[in-house]
Amino acid sequence: MRLYLSSFRLGDHPEELVRLAGPGARVAVIANAVDAAPADVRRGVVDREAGALAELGLLPDEIDLRDHTDDRELLRNTLDGFDVLWLRGGNVFVLRHVLRVTGADDIVVEALQRDAVVYAGYSAGPCVLAPSLRGLELCDDVSDLARLHGAEPTWEGLGVLDTAFVPHLDSPGHPETEAMGRVLELYRSTGVPHVGLRDGQAMVVEGEQVSIV
Protein backbone atom coordinates (compact mmCIF):
# COMPACT_ATOMS: atom_id res chain seq x y z
CA MET A 1 0.00 0.00 0.00
CA ARG A 2 1.29 3.43 -0.97
CA LEU A 3 -0.10 6.63 0.54
CA TYR A 4 0.96 10.28 0.38
CA LEU A 5 -1.23 12.10 2.89
CA SER A 6 -0.54 15.80 3.21
CA SER A 7 -1.95 18.29 5.68
CA PHE A 8 -2.33 21.01 3.05
CA ARG A 9 -1.91 20.87 -0.68
CA LEU A 10 1.30 19.18 -1.86
CA GLY A 11 3.20 19.79 1.36
CA ASP A 12 6.90 20.57 1.63
CA HIS A 13 8.13 17.32 0.08
CA PRO A 14 6.09 16.57 -3.06
CA GLU A 15 9.09 14.67 -4.41
CA GLU A 16 7.94 11.86 -2.14
CA LEU A 17 4.71 11.63 -4.11
CA VAL A 18 6.65 11.46 -7.37
CA ARG A 19 8.90 8.78 -5.91
CA LEU A 20 5.92 6.66 -4.90
CA ALA A 21 4.09 7.09 -8.19
CA GLY A 22 6.93 7.37 -10.68
CA PRO A 23 7.67 10.19 -13.14
CA GLY A 24 4.89 10.83 -15.63
CA ALA A 25 2.30 9.00 -13.51
CA ARG A 26 -1.34 9.48 -14.47
CA VAL A 27 -3.30 11.24 -11.72
CA ALA A 28 -7.05 11.23 -11.20
CA VAL A 29 -7.93 14.53 -9.53
CA ILE A 30 -11.01 13.92 -7.37
CA ALA A 31 -12.37 17.20 -6.05
CA ASN A 32 -15.81 16.16 -4.78
CA ALA A 33 -15.01 17.48 -1.32
CA VAL A 34 -15.62 20.97 -2.78
CA ASP A 35 -18.91 20.19 -4.53
CA ALA A 36 -20.62 22.72 -2.27
CA ALA A 37 -18.63 25.56 -3.84
CA PRO A 38 -20.06 27.60 -6.74
CA ALA A 39 -19.29 26.01 -10.10
CA ASP A 40 -16.77 28.66 -11.15
CA VAL A 41 -14.93 28.43 -7.83
CA ARG A 42 -14.86 24.65 -8.05
CA ARG A 43 -13.50 24.84 -11.61
CA GLY A 44 -10.73 27.15 -10.48
CA VAL A 45 -9.85 24.81 -7.62
CA VAL A 46 -9.56 21.84 -9.96
CA ASP A 47 -7.42 23.81 -12.41
CA ARG A 48 -5.08 24.82 -9.59
CA GLU A 49 -4.73 21.23 -8.40
CA ALA A 50 -4.03 20.01 -11.91
CA GLY A 51 -1.49 22.75 -12.51
CA ALA A 52 0.43 21.99 -9.33
CA LEU A 53 0.55 18.28 -10.14
CA ALA A 54 1.60 18.94 -13.73
CA GLU A 55 4.51 21.05 -12.48
CA LEU A 56 5.82 17.88 -10.80
CA GLY A 57 5.87 16.11 -14.17
CA LEU A 58 2.67 14.18 -13.44
CA LEU A 59 -0.31 13.85 -15.80
CA PRO A 60 -3.50 15.01 -14.06
CA ASP A 61 -7.07 14.65 -15.25
CA GLU A 62 -10.23 15.35 -13.26
CA ILE A 63 -12.61 12.52 -12.46
CA ASP A 64 -15.87 13.89 -11.07
CA LEU A 65 -17.45 11.01 -9.20
CA ARG A 66 -20.89 12.56 -9.68
CA ASP A 67 -20.65 11.50 -13.32
CA HIS A 68 -20.39 7.84 -12.29
CA THR A 69 -23.40 7.18 -10.08
CA ASP A 70 -25.03 4.56 -12.31
CA ASP A 71 -22.22 2.27 -13.49
CA ARG A 72 -19.73 0.99 -10.95
CA GLU A 73 -17.89 -1.18 -13.44
CA LEU A 74 -17.32 1.82 -15.68
CA LEU A 75 -16.01 3.76 -12.69
CA ARG A 76 -13.77 0.86 -11.72
CA ASN A 77 -12.35 0.68 -15.24
CA THR A 78 -11.90 4.45 -15.33
CA LEU A 79 -9.99 4.58 -12.06
CA ASP A 80 -7.92 1.56 -13.07
CA GLY A 81 -6.49 3.74 -15.81
CA PHE A 82 -4.68 5.94 -13.28
CA ASP A 83 -1.55 5.48 -11.20
CA VAL A 84 -2.52 8.01 -8.52
CA LEU A 85 -5.79 9.10 -6.96
CA TRP A 86 -5.47 12.68 -5.70
CA LEU A 87 -8.30 13.61 -3.31
CA ARG A 88 -8.14 17.23 -2.31
CA GLY A 89 -9.49 18.94 0.78
CA GLY A 90 -12.94 20.33 1.45
CA ASN A 91 -15.91 18.86 3.28
CA VAL A 92 -15.14 15.32 4.42
CA PHE A 93 -18.83 14.41 4.80
CA VAL A 94 -19.66 15.43 1.23
CA LEU A 95 -16.65 13.47 -0.02
CA ARG A 96 -17.55 10.38 2.00
CA HIS A 97 -21.13 10.43 0.74
CA VAL A 98 -20.09 10.59 -2.92
CA LEU A 99 -17.53 7.83 -2.41
CA ARG A 100 -20.24 5.64 -0.90
CA VAL A 101 -23.07 6.20 -3.36
CA THR A 102 -20.83 5.66 -6.39
CA GLY A 103 -19.10 2.61 -4.94
CA ALA A 104 -15.76 4.38 -5.25
CA ASP A 105 -15.02 3.60 -1.61
CA ASP A 106 -14.88 -0.15 -2.25
CA ILE A 107 -13.01 0.36 -5.53
CA VAL A 108 -10.35 2.46 -3.82
CA VAL A 109 -9.88 0.07 -0.91
CA GLU A 110 -9.55 -2.90 -3.26
CA ALA A 111 -7.03 -1.07 -5.44
CA LEU A 112 -4.93 -0.21 -2.40
CA GLN A 113 -5.01 -3.80 -1.23
CA ARG A 114 -3.62 -4.82 -4.63
CA ASP A 115 -1.07 -1.99 -4.51
CA ALA A 116 -2.46 -0.94 -7.88
CA VAL A 117 -2.59 2.77 -7.12
CA VAL A 118 -1.12 5.49 -4.92
CA TYR A 119 -3.71 7.25 -2.76
CA ALA A 120 -2.70 10.86 -2.23
CA GLY A 121 -4.21 14.19 -1.27
CA TYR A 122 -4.72 16.50 1.64
CA SER A 123 -7.08 17.43 4.44
CA ALA A 124 -10.44 15.76 3.75
CA GLY A 125 -8.77 13.35 1.32
CA PRO A 126 -6.71 11.65 4.05
CA CYS A 127 -9.34 12.23 6.76
CA VAL A 128 -11.82 9.98 4.97
CA LEU A 129 -9.40 7.03 5.29
CA ALA A 130 -9.87 6.85 9.06
CA PRO A 131 -12.01 4.21 10.80
CA SER A 132 -14.55 6.87 11.77
CA LEU A 133 -15.35 10.48 10.88
CA ARG A 134 -16.76 11.26 14.33
CA GLY A 135 -15.32 14.49 15.65
CA LEU A 136 -14.77 16.11 12.27
CA GLU A 137 -18.17 17.77 12.56
CA LEU A 138 -16.35 20.24 14.82
CA CYS A 139 -14.68 21.50 11.64
CA ASP A 140 -16.73 20.54 8.58
CA ASP A 141 -20.34 21.63 8.13
CA VAL A 142 -22.57 18.56 8.03
CA SER A 143 -25.44 20.69 6.69
CA ASP A 144 -23.62 20.99 3.34
CA LEU A 145 -24.41 17.32 2.78
CA ALA A 146 -28.11 17.78 3.47
CA ARG A 147 -28.24 20.83 1.21
CA LEU A 148 -26.46 19.10 -1.69
CA HIS A 149 -27.79 15.57 -1.46
CA GLY A 150 -30.58 15.55 1.14
CA ALA A 151 -28.60 12.88 2.97
CA GLU A 152 -27.46 12.10 6.48
CA PRO A 153 -23.70 11.75 7.07
CA THR A 154 -21.91 8.45 6.78
CA TRP A 155 -19.84 8.30 9.96
CA GLU A 156 -17.81 5.26 9.01
CA GLY A 157 -14.57 6.05 7.21
CA LEU A 158 -12.85 3.83 4.67
CA GLY A 159 -10.77 2.17 7.38
CA VAL A 160 -7.57 2.24 5.35
CA LEU A 161 -5.86 3.91 8.30
CA ASP A 162 -6.17 2.54 11.82
CA THR A 163 -6.04 6.07 13.25
CA ALA A 164 -7.81 9.36 12.71
CA PHE A 165 -6.00 11.96 10.57
CA VAL A 166 -5.88 15.51 11.95
CA PRO A 167 -4.50 18.16 9.54
CA HIS A 168 -3.77 21.89 9.86
CA LEU A 169 -2.53 21.78 13.45
CA ASP A 170 -0.48 24.76 14.64
CA SER A 171 -0.77 26.28 11.17
CA PRO A 172 -1.19 30.05 11.52
CA GLY A 173 -3.10 31.50 8.62
CA HIS A 174 -5.10 28.38 7.83
CA PRO A 175 -8.80 29.02 8.56
CA GLU A 176 -9.33 25.56 10.04
CA THR A 177 -6.38 25.38 12.42
CA GLU A 178 -8.43 26.32 15.51
CA ALA A 179 -11.25 23.94 14.64
CA MET A 180 -8.83 21.08 14.05
CA GLY A 181 -7.23 21.90 17.38
CA ARG A 182 -10.63 21.23 18.97
CA VAL A 183 -10.86 17.94 17.07
CA LEU A 184 -7.43 17.01 18.43
CA GLU A 185 -8.51 17.82 22.00
CA LEU A 186 -11.61 15.65 21.56
CA TYR A 187 -9.56 12.71 20.31
CA ARG A 188 -7.08 13.06 23.15
CA SER A 189 -9.80 13.24 25.80
CA THR A 190 -11.71 10.25 24.41
CA GLY A 191 -8.71 8.08 23.60
CA VAL A 192 -9.12 8.05 19.82
CA PRO A 193 -5.83 7.06 18.14
CA HIS A 194 -4.77 9.80 15.76
CA VAL A 195 -1.99 11.29 13.67
CA GLY A 196 -1.72 15.08 13.73
CA LEU A 197 0.13 17.14 11.14
CA ARG A 198 0.86 20.80 10.65
CA ASP A 199 0.65 22.31 7.17
CA GLY A 200 3.74 21.44 5.16
CA GLN A 201 3.95 17.94 6.62
CA ALA A 202 2.80 14.72 5.00
CA MET A 203 2.40 11.13 6.13
CA VAL A 204 4.06 8.70 3.71
CA VAL A 205 3.12 5.03 3.78
CA GLU A 206 4.98 2.46 1.71
CA GLY A 207 4.09 -1.06 2.67
CA GLU A 208 4.80 -1.42 6.39
CA GLN A 209 6.97 1.70 6.47
CA VAL A 210 5.35 4.90 7.77
CA SER A 211 7.12 8.25 7.99
CA ILE A 212 6.28 11.93 8.46
CA VAL A 213 8.06 14.29 6.08
C-alpha atoms as a PDB file:
ATOM      1  CA  MET A   1       0.000   0.000   0.000  1.00  0.00           C
ATOM      2  CA  ARG A   2       1.289   3.434  -0.974  1.00  0.00           C
ATOM      3  CA  LEU A   3      -0.099   6.635   0.541  1.00  0.00           C
ATOM      4  CA  TYR A   4       0.961  10.284   0.381  1.00  0.00           C
ATOM      5  CA  LEU A   5      -1.232  12.101   2.890  1.00  0.00           C
ATOM      6  CA  SER A   6      -0.545  15.805   3.207  1.00  0.00           C
ATOM      7  CA  SER A   7      -1.948  18.286   5.681  1.00  0.00           C
ATOM      8  CA  PHE A   8      -2.332  21.014   3.054  1.00  0.00           C
ATOM      9  CA  ARG A   9      -1.908  20.871  -0.684  1.00  0.00           C
ATOM     10  CA  LEU A  10       1.302  19.182  -1.862  1.00  0.00           C
ATOM     11  CA  GLY A  11       3.202  19.788   1.364  1.00  0.00           C
ATOM     12  CA  ASP A  12       6.903  20.570   1.627  1.00  0.00           C
ATOM     13  CA  HIS A  13       8.126  17.318   0.077  1.00  0.00           C
ATOM     14  CA  PRO A  14       6.087  16.572  -3.058  1.00  0.00           C
ATOM     15  CA  GLU A  15       9.086  14.673  -4.413  1.00  0.00           C
ATOM     16  CA  GLU A  16       7.943  11.861  -2.137  1.00  0.00           C
ATOM     17  CA  LEU A  17       4.715  11.633  -4.110  1.00  0.00           C
ATOM     18  CA  VAL A  18       6.654  11.465  -7.366  1.00  0.00           C
ATOM     19  CA  ARG A  19       8.903   8.784  -5.912  1.00  0.00           C
ATOM     20  CA  LEU A  20       5.920   6.658  -4.895  1.00  0.00           C
ATOM     21  CA  ALA A  21       4.090   7.092  -8.187  1.00  0.00           C
ATOM     22  CA  GLY A  22       6.932   7.370 -10.683  1.00  0.00           C
ATOM     23  CA  PRO A  23       7.667  10.193 -13.142  1.00  0.00           C
ATOM     24  CA  GLY A  24       4.888  10.826 -15.625  1.00  0.00           C
ATOM     25  CA  ALA A  25       2.302   9.004 -13.513  1.00  0.00           C
ATOM     26  CA  ARG A  26      -1.345   9.479 -14.475  1.00  0.00           C
ATOM     27  CA  VAL A  27      -3.296  11.237 -11.722  1.00  0.00           C
ATOM     28  CA  ALA A  28      -7.051  11.226 -11.199  1.00  0.00           C
ATOM     29  CA  VAL A  29      -7.932  14.529  -9.531  1.00  0.00           C
ATOM     30  CA  ILE A  30     -11.010  13.917  -7.373  1.00  0.00           C
ATOM     31  CA  ALA A  31     -12.372  17.203  -6.049  1.00  0.00           C
ATOM     32  CA  ASN A  32     -15.806  16.158  -4.781  1.00  0.00           C
ATOM     33  CA  ALA A  33     -15.007  17.482  -1.318  1.00  0.00           C
ATOM     34  CA  VAL A  34     -15.618  20.967  -2.777  1.00  0.00           C
ATOM     35  CA  ASP A  35     -18.907  20.189  -4.531  1.00  0.00           C
ATOM     36  CA  ALA A  36     -20.618  22.725  -2.266  1.00  0.00           C
ATOM     37  CA  ALA A  37     -18.625  25.557  -3.837  1.00  0.00           C
ATOM     38  CA  PRO A  38     -20.058  27.596  -6.736  1.00  0.00           C
ATOM     39  CA  ALA A  39     -19.295  26.005 -10.097  1.00  0.00           C
ATOM     40  CA  ASP A  40     -16.770  28.656 -11.149  1.00  0.00           C
ATOM     41  CA  VAL A  41     -14.933  28.432  -7.833  1.00  0.00           C
ATOM     42  CA  ARG A  42     -14.863  24.646  -8.046  1.00  0.00           C
ATOM     43  CA  ARG A  43     -13.501  24.835 -11.607  1.00  0.00           C
ATOM     44  CA  GLY A  44     -10.728  27.147 -10.476  1.00  0.00           C
ATOM     45  CA  VAL A  45      -9.849  24.811  -7.619  1.00  0.00           C
ATOM     46  CA  VAL A  46      -9.557  21.840  -9.958  1.00  0.00           C
ATOM     47  CA  ASP A  47      -7.421  23.810 -12.411  1.00  0.00           C
ATOM     48  CA  ARG A  48      -5.078  24.817  -9.593  1.00  0.00           C
ATOM     49  CA  GLU A  49      -4.728  21.232  -8.396  1.00  0.00           C
ATOM     50  CA  ALA A  50      -4.030  20.008 -11.913  1.00  0.00           C
ATOM     51  CA  GLY A  51      -1.491  22.755 -12.509  1.00  0.00           C
ATOM     52  CA  ALA A  52       0.433  21.992  -9.326  1.00  0.00           C
ATOM     53  CA  LEU A  53       0.548  18.279 -10.141  1.00  0.00           C
ATOM     54  CA  ALA A  54       1.603  18.944 -13.729  1.00  0.00           C
ATOM     55  CA  GLU A  55       4.512  21.050 -12.478  1.00  0.00           C
ATOM     56  CA  LEU A  56       5.816  17.877 -10.804  1.00  0.00           C
ATOM     57  CA  GLY A  57       5.866  16.113 -14.168  1.00  0.00           C
ATOM     58  CA  LEU A  58       2.675  14.185 -13.445  1.00  0.00           C
ATOM     59  CA  LEU A  59      -0.305  13.846 -15.804  1.00  0.00           C
ATOM     60  CA  PRO A  60      -3.499  15.010 -14.056  1.00  0.00           C
ATOM     61  CA  ASP A  61      -7.068  14.649 -15.248  1.00  0.00           C
ATOM     62  CA  GLU A  62     -10.228  15.350 -13.258  1.00  0.00           C
ATOM     63  CA  ILE A  63     -12.606  12.516 -12.465  1.00  0.00           C
ATOM     64  CA  ASP A  64     -15.870  13.888 -11.073  1.00  0.00           C
ATOM     65  CA  LEU A  65     -17.454  11.006  -9.199  1.00  0.00           C
ATOM     66  CA  ARG A  66     -20.887  12.557  -9.682  1.00  0.00           C
ATOM     67  CA  ASP A  67     -20.646  11.498 -13.324  1.00  0.00           C
ATOM     68  CA  HIS A  68     -20.393   7.843 -12.292  1.00  0.00           C
ATOM     69  CA  THR A  69     -23.400   7.177 -10.076  1.00  0.00           C
ATOM     70  CA  ASP A  70     -25.030   4.555 -12.307  1.00  0.00           C
ATOM     71  CA  ASP A  71     -22.220   2.273 -13.494  1.00  0.00           C
ATOM     72  CA  ARG A  72     -19.732   0.988 -10.950  1.00  0.00           C
ATOM     73  CA  GLU A  73     -17.886  -1.176 -13.438  1.00  0.00           C
ATOM     74  CA  LEU A  74     -17.318   1.821 -15.676  1.00  0.00           C
ATOM     75  CA  LEU A  75     -16.015   3.764 -12.689  1.00  0.00           C
ATOM     76  CA  ARG A  76     -13.768   0.855 -11.717  1.00  0.00           C
ATOM     77  CA  ASN A  77     -12.347   0.678 -15.237  1.00  0.00           C
ATOM     78  CA  THR A  78     -11.904   4.449 -15.333  1.00  0.00           C
ATOM     79  CA  LEU A  79      -9.991   4.585 -12.063  1.00  0.00           C
ATOM     80  CA  ASP A  80      -7.915   1.557 -13.069  1.00  0.00           C
ATOM     81  CA  GLY A  81      -6.487   3.743 -15.813  1.00  0.00           C
ATOM     82  CA  PHE A  82      -4.684   5.936 -13.279  1.00  0.00           C
ATOM     83  CA  ASP A  83      -1.549   5.476 -11.205  1.00  0.00           C
ATOM     84  CA  VAL A  84      -2.517   8.008  -8.521  1.00  0.00           C
ATOM     85  CA  LEU A  85      -5.789   9.103  -6.963  1.00  0.00           C
ATOM     86  CA  TRP A  86      -5.474  12.678  -5.697  1.00  0.00           C
ATOM     87  CA  LEU A  87      -8.303  13.607  -3.314  1.00  0.00           C
ATOM     88  CA  ARG A  88      -8.142  17.235  -2.315  1.00  0.00           C
ATOM     89  CA  GLY A  89      -9.492  18.937   0.778  1.00  0.00           C
ATOM     90  CA  GLY A  90     -12.942  20.331   1.447  1.00  0.00           C
ATOM     91  CA  ASN A  91     -15.910  18.861   3.278  1.00  0.00           C
ATOM     92  CA  VAL A  92     -15.140  15.316   4.417  1.00  0.00           C
ATOM     93  CA  PHE A  93     -18.827  14.415   4.798  1.00  0.00           C
ATOM     94  CA  VAL A  94     -19.659  15.427   1.231  1.00  0.00           C
ATOM     95  CA  LEU A  95     -16.648  13.470  -0.021  1.00  0.00           C
ATOM     96  CA  ARG A  96     -17.547  10.384   2.003  1.00  0.00           C
ATOM     97  CA  HIS A  97     -21.131  10.434   0.738  1.00  0.00           C
ATOM     98  CA  VAL A  98     -20.091  10.589  -2.922  1.00  0.00           C
ATOM     99  CA  LEU A  99     -17.529   7.830  -2.412  1.00  0.00           C
ATOM    100  CA  ARG A 100     -20.245   5.636  -0.898  1.00  0.00           C
ATOM    101  CA  VAL A 101     -23.072   6.196  -3.364  1.00  0.00           C
ATOM    102  CA  THR A 102     -20.826   5.657  -6.386  1.00  0.00           C
ATOM    103  CA  GLY A 103     -19.095   2.611  -4.940  1.00  0.00           C
ATOM    104  CA  ALA A 104     -15.758   4.378  -5.248  1.00  0.00           C
ATOM    105  CA  ASP A 105     -15.021   3.595  -1.605  1.00  0.00           C
ATOM    106  CA  ASP A 106     -14.883  -0.150  -2.255  1.00  0.00           C
ATOM    107  CA  ILE A 107     -13.012   0.359  -5.528  1.00  0.00           C
ATOM    108  CA  VAL A 108     -10.348   2.460  -3.819  1.00  0.00           C
ATOM    109  CA  VAL A 109      -9.879   0.067  -0.914  1.00  0.00           C
ATOM    110  CA  GLU A 110      -9.549  -2.905  -3.262  1.00  0.00           C
ATOM    111  CA  ALA A 111      -7.033  -1.070  -5.440  1.00  0.00           C
ATOM    112  CA  LEU A 112      -4.934  -0.207  -2.401  1.00  0.00           C
ATOM    113  CA  GLN A 113      -5.013  -3.803  -1.231  1.00  0.00           C
ATOM    114  CA  ARG A 114      -3.619  -4.823  -4.634  1.00  0.00           C
ATOM    115  CA  ASP A 115      -1.069  -1.985  -4.513  1.00  0.00           C
ATOM    116  CA  ALA A 116      -2.456  -0.941  -7.881  1.00  0.00           C
ATOM    117  CA  VAL A 117      -2.594   2.770  -7.116  1.00  0.00           C
ATOM    118  CA  VAL A 118      -1.122   5.492  -4.921  1.00  0.00           C
ATOM    119  CA  TYR A 119      -3.709   7.253  -2.763  1.00  0.00           C
ATOM    120  CA  ALA A 120      -2.704  10.865  -2.226  1.00  0.00           C
ATOM    121  CA  GLY A 121      -4.206  14.188  -1.273  1.00  0.00           C
ATOM    122  CA  TYR A 122      -4.717  16.505   1.637  1.00  0.00           C
ATOM    123  CA  SER A 123      -7.075  17.432   4.444  1.00  0.00           C
ATOM    124  CA  ALA A 124     -10.442  15.761   3.747  1.00  0.00           C
ATOM    125  CA  GLY A 125      -8.773  13.355   1.323  1.00  0.00           C
ATOM    126  CA  PRO A 126      -6.707  11.655   4.047  1.00  0.00           C
ATOM    127  CA  CYS A 127      -9.337  12.230   6.763  1.00  0.00           C
ATOM    128  CA  VAL A 128     -11.823   9.984   4.972  1.00  0.00           C
ATOM    129  CA  LEU A 129      -9.403   7.034   5.286  1.00  0.00           C
ATOM    130  CA  ALA A 130      -9.870   6.851   9.064  1.00  0.00           C
ATOM    131  CA  PRO A 131     -12.008   4.210  10.797  1.00  0.00           C
ATOM    132  CA  SER A 132     -14.552   6.874  11.772  1.00  0.00           C
ATOM    133  CA  LEU A 133     -15.345  10.479  10.884  1.00  0.00           C
ATOM    134  CA  ARG A 134     -16.763  11.255  14.329  1.00  0.00           C
ATOM    135  CA  GLY A 135     -15.323  14.486  15.655  1.00  0.00           C
ATOM    136  CA  LEU A 136     -14.772  16.112  12.268  1.00  0.00           C
ATOM    137  CA  GLU A 137     -18.175  17.770  12.560  1.00  0.00           C
ATOM    138  CA  LEU A 138     -16.348  20.237  14.820  1.00  0.00           C
ATOM    139  CA  CYS A 139     -14.684  21.502  11.638  1.00  0.00           C
ATOM    140  CA  ASP A 140     -16.725  20.536   8.577  1.00  0.00           C
ATOM    141  CA  ASP A 141     -20.337  21.631   8.131  1.00  0.00           C
ATOM    142  CA  VAL A 142     -22.572  18.557   8.033  1.00  0.00           C
ATOM    143  CA  SER A 143     -25.439  20.691   6.691  1.00  0.00           C
ATOM    144  CA  ASP A 144     -23.618  20.986   3.343  1.00  0.00           C
ATOM    145  CA  LEU A 145     -24.405  17.321   2.779  1.00  0.00           C
ATOM    146  CA  ALA A 146     -28.115  17.779   3.469  1.00  0.00           C
ATOM    147  CA  ARG A 147     -28.237  20.826   1.206  1.00  0.00           C
ATOM    148  CA  LEU A 148     -26.462  19.103  -1.692  1.00  0.00           C
ATOM    149  CA  HIS A 149     -27.786  15.572  -1.463  1.00  0.00           C
ATOM    150  CA  GLY A 150     -30.579  15.548   1.137  1.00  0.00           C
ATOM    151  CA  ALA A 151     -28.599  12.885   2.973  1.00  0.00           C
ATOM    152  CA  GLU A 152     -27.462  12.100   6.476  1.00  0.00           C
ATOM    153  CA  PRO A 153     -23.704  11.752   7.066  1.00  0.00           C
ATOM    154  CA  THR A 154     -21.906   8.446   6.777  1.00  0.00           C
ATOM    155  CA  TRP A 155     -19.845   8.299   9.960  1.00  0.00           C
ATOM    156  CA  GLU A 156     -17.814   5.258   9.007  1.00  0.00           C
ATOM    157  CA  GLY A 157     -14.567   6.049   7.213  1.00  0.00           C
ATOM    158  CA  LEU A 158     -12.855   3.828   4.666  1.00  0.00           C
ATOM    159  CA  GLY A 159     -10.771   2.169   7.385  1.00  0.00           C
ATOM    160  CA  VAL A 160      -7.569   2.241   5.353  1.00  0.00           C
ATOM    161  CA  LEU A 161      -5.856   3.913   8.304  1.00  0.00           C
ATOM    162  CA  ASP A 162      -6.173   2.540  11.822  1.00  0.00           C
ATOM    163  CA  THR A 163      -6.035   6.070  13.247  1.00  0.00           C
ATOM    164  CA  ALA A 164      -7.809   9.362  12.708  1.00  0.00           C
ATOM    165  CA  PHE A 165      -6.003  11.958  10.568  1.00  0.00           C
ATOM    166  CA  VAL A 166      -5.878  15.513  11.955  1.00  0.00           C
ATOM    167  CA  PRO A 167      -4.503  18.164   9.544  1.00  0.00           C
ATOM    168  CA  HIS A 168      -3.773  21.893   9.860  1.00  0.00           C
ATOM    169  CA  LEU A 169      -2.534  21.780  13.452  1.00  0.00           C
ATOM    170  CA  ASP A 170      -0.484  24.765  14.643  1.00  0.00           C
ATOM    171  CA  SER A 171      -0.774  26.277  11.171  1.00  0.00           C
ATOM    172  CA  PRO A 172      -1.194  30.055  11.518  1.00  0.00           C
ATOM    173  CA  GLY A 173      -3.100  31.497   8.618  1.00  0.00           C
ATOM    174  CA  HIS A 174      -5.101  28.383   7.831  1.00  0.00           C
ATOM    175  CA  PRO A 175      -8.800  29.018   8.559  1.00  0.00           C
ATOM    176  CA  GLU A 176      -9.332  25.555  10.043  1.00  0.00           C
ATOM    177  CA  THR A 177      -6.376  25.376  12.421  1.00  0.00           C
ATOM    178  CA  GLU A 178      -8.430  26.325  15.510  1.00  0.00           C
ATOM    179  CA  ALA A 179     -11.251  23.937  14.642  1.00  0.00           C
ATOM    180  CA  MET A 180      -8.829  21.079  14.049  1.00  0.00           C
ATOM    181  CA  GLY A 181      -7.234  21.899  17.380  1.00  0.00           C
ATOM    182  CA  ARG A 182     -10.630  21.226  18.972  1.00  0.00           C
ATOM    183  CA  VAL A 183     -10.857  17.939  17.073  1.00  0.00           C
ATOM    184  CA  LEU A 184      -7.427  17.008  18.433  1.00  0.00           C
ATOM    185  CA  GLU A 185      -8.510  17.822  21.995  1.00  0.00           C
ATOM    186  CA  LEU A 186     -11.608  15.646  21.565  1.00  0.00           C
ATOM    187  CA  TYR A 187      -9.565  12.709  20.307  1.00  0.00           C
ATOM    188  CA  ARG A 188      -7.081  13.064  23.150  1.00  0.00           C
ATOM    189  CA  SER A 189      -9.799  13.245  25.795  1.00  0.00           C
ATOM    190  CA  THR A 190     -11.707  10.255  24.414  1.00  0.00           C
ATOM    191  CA  GLY A 191      -8.709   8.078  23.596  1.00  0.00           C
ATOM    192  CA  VAL A 192      -9.116   8.055  19.821  1.00  0.00           C
ATOM    193  CA  PRO A 193      -5.829   7.062  18.143  1.00  0.00           C
ATOM    194  CA  HIS A 194      -4.770   9.804  15.761  1.00  0.00           C
ATOM    195  CA  VAL A 195      -1.985  11.290  13.674  1.00  0.00           C
ATOM    196  CA  GLY A 196      -1.719  15.078  13.734  1.00  0.00           C
ATOM    197  CA  LEU A 197       0.129  17.144  11.140  1.00  0.00           C
ATOM    198  CA  ARG A 198       0.861  20.799  10.649  1.00  0.00           C
ATOM    199  CA  ASP A 199       0.646  22.310   7.169  1.00  0.00           C
ATOM    200  CA  GLY A 200       3.737  21.440   5.162  1.00  0.00           C
ATOM    201  CA  GLN A 201       3.948  17.941   6.625  1.00  0.00           C
ATOM    202  CA  ALA A 202       2.799  14.724   5.004  1.00  0.00           C
ATOM    203  CA  MET A 203       2.404  11.130   6.126  1.00  0.00           C
ATOM    204  CA  VAL A 204       4.059   8.702   3.708  1.00  0.00           C
ATOM    205  CA  VAL A 205       3.123   5.028   3.784  1.00  0.00           C
ATOM    206  CA  GLU A 206       4.978   2.463   1.709  1.00  0.00           C
ATOM    207  CA  GLY A 207       4.085  -1.061   2.668  1.00  0.00           C
ATOM    208  CA  GLU A 208       4.805  -1.420   6.388  1.00  0.00           C
ATOM    209  CA  GLN A 209       6.969   1.698   6.473  1.00  0.00           C
ATOM    210  CA  VAL A 210       5.352   4.901   7.773  1.00  0.00           C
ATOM    211  CA  SER A 211       7.119   8.253   7.991  1.00  0.00           C
ATOM    212  CA  ILE A 212       6.275  11.931   8.465  1.00  0.00           C
ATOM    213  CA  VAL A 213       8.055  14.294   6.085  1.00  0.00           C
END
